[in-house]
Amino acid sequence: MLHYFISKKKCCSRTLLLIDMYASCTTQMVIKTRLVTCEMLLERQKKTFLYRIVSDDEKLTYYDNPNA
């Protein structure tokens, strides 16, 4: 789900995705409110915590098991 919000897709396609997911249990107004809230949260955290996790984590971790 996070991939759809980070990618460069248009807002209308994201809204349709949410409507398809939540249409049976919520109204469209609630869905639009959730969409706006998610976009605001992602925009606020774009260059901080979430940006590092999604795109800048290129470190290699080596695991050494001496018993093997």
Protein backbone atom coordinates (compact mmCIF):
# COMPACT_ATOMS: atom_id res chain seq x y z
CA MET A 1 0.00 0.00 0.00
CA LEU A 2 2.81 2.40 0.84
CA HIS A 3 4.25 1.85 -2.64
CA TYR A 4 1.18 3.42 -4.25
CA PHE A 5 1.51 6.57 -2.16
CA ILE A 6 5.24 7.01 -2.71
CA SER A 7 5.13 6.37 -6.43
CA LYS A 8 4.40 9.13 -8.92
CA LYS A 9 0.84 8.05 -9.63
CA LYS A 10 -1.93 10.57 -9.97
CA CYS A 11 -4.16 11.32 -7.04
CA CYS A 12 -7.24 10.00 -8.84
CA SER A 13 -5.68 6.56 -9.28
CA ARG A 14 -4.82 6.44 -5.58
CA THR A 15 -8.36 7.47 -4.71
CA LEU A 16 -9.76 4.70 -6.92
CA LEU A 17 -7.44 2.20 -5.25
CA LEU A 18 -8.73 3.18 -1.82
CA ILE A 19 -12.34 3.13 -2.98
CA ASP A 20 -11.86 -0.41 -4.32
CA MET A 21 -10.33 -1.52 -1.02
CA TYR A 22 -12.75 0.14 1.39
CA ALA A 23 -15.97 0.57 -0.60
CA SER A 24 -17.84 -2.14 1.22
CA CYS A 25 -17.28 -0.78 4.73
CA THR A 26 -16.94 3.02 4.48
CA THR A 27 -18.27 5.99 2.63
CA GLN A 28 -16.37 7.87 -0.03
CA MET A 29 -15.94 10.89 2.25
CA VAL A 30 -14.13 8.78 4.83
CA ILE A 31 -11.94 7.31 2.11
CA LYS A 32 -11.00 10.76 0.81
CA THR A 33 -10.22 11.88 4.35
CA ARG A 34 -7.92 8.87 4.81
CA LEU A 35 -6.21 9.60 1.50
CA VAL A 36 -5.54 13.23 2.41
CA THR A 37 -4.30 12.24 5.86
CA CYS A 38 -1.91 9.63 4.43
CA GLU A 39 -0.56 12.08 1.87
CA MET A 40 0.00 14.73 4.54
CA LEU A 41 1.84 12.28 6.79
CA LEU A 42 4.02 11.05 3.95
CA GLU A 43 4.82 14.56 2.78
CA ARG A 44 5.86 15.58 6.29
CA GLN A 45 8.15 12.54 6.64
CA LYS A 46 9.38 12.40 3.04
CA LYS A 47 13.02 13.39 3.59
CA THR A 48 13.40 12.03 7.09
CA PHE A 49 12.60 8.65 8.52
CA LEU A 50 10.53 7.06 5.74
CA TYR A 51 12.82 8.27 2.97
CA ARG A 52 15.83 6.55 4.54
CA ILE A 53 14.01 3.28 5.07
CA VAL A 54 12.52 3.07 1.59
CA SER A 55 15.33 4.34 -0.64
CA ASP A 56 18.61 4.98 1.19
CA ASP A 57 19.18 1.74 3.01
CA GLU A 58 22.05 0.29 0.98
CA LYS A 59 24.21 -0.99 3.82
CA LEU A 60 25.34 -4.59 3.80
CA THR A 61 25.11 -6.65 6.95
CA TYR A 62 27.49 -9.55 7.29
CA TYR A 63 26.59 -12.48 9.47
CA ASP A 64 29.42 -14.60 10.82
CA ASN A 65 28.51 -17.88 12.47
CA PRO A 66 31.68 -19.44 13.86
CA ASN A 67 29.87 -22.70 14.77
CA ALA A 68 28.89 -23.50 11.20
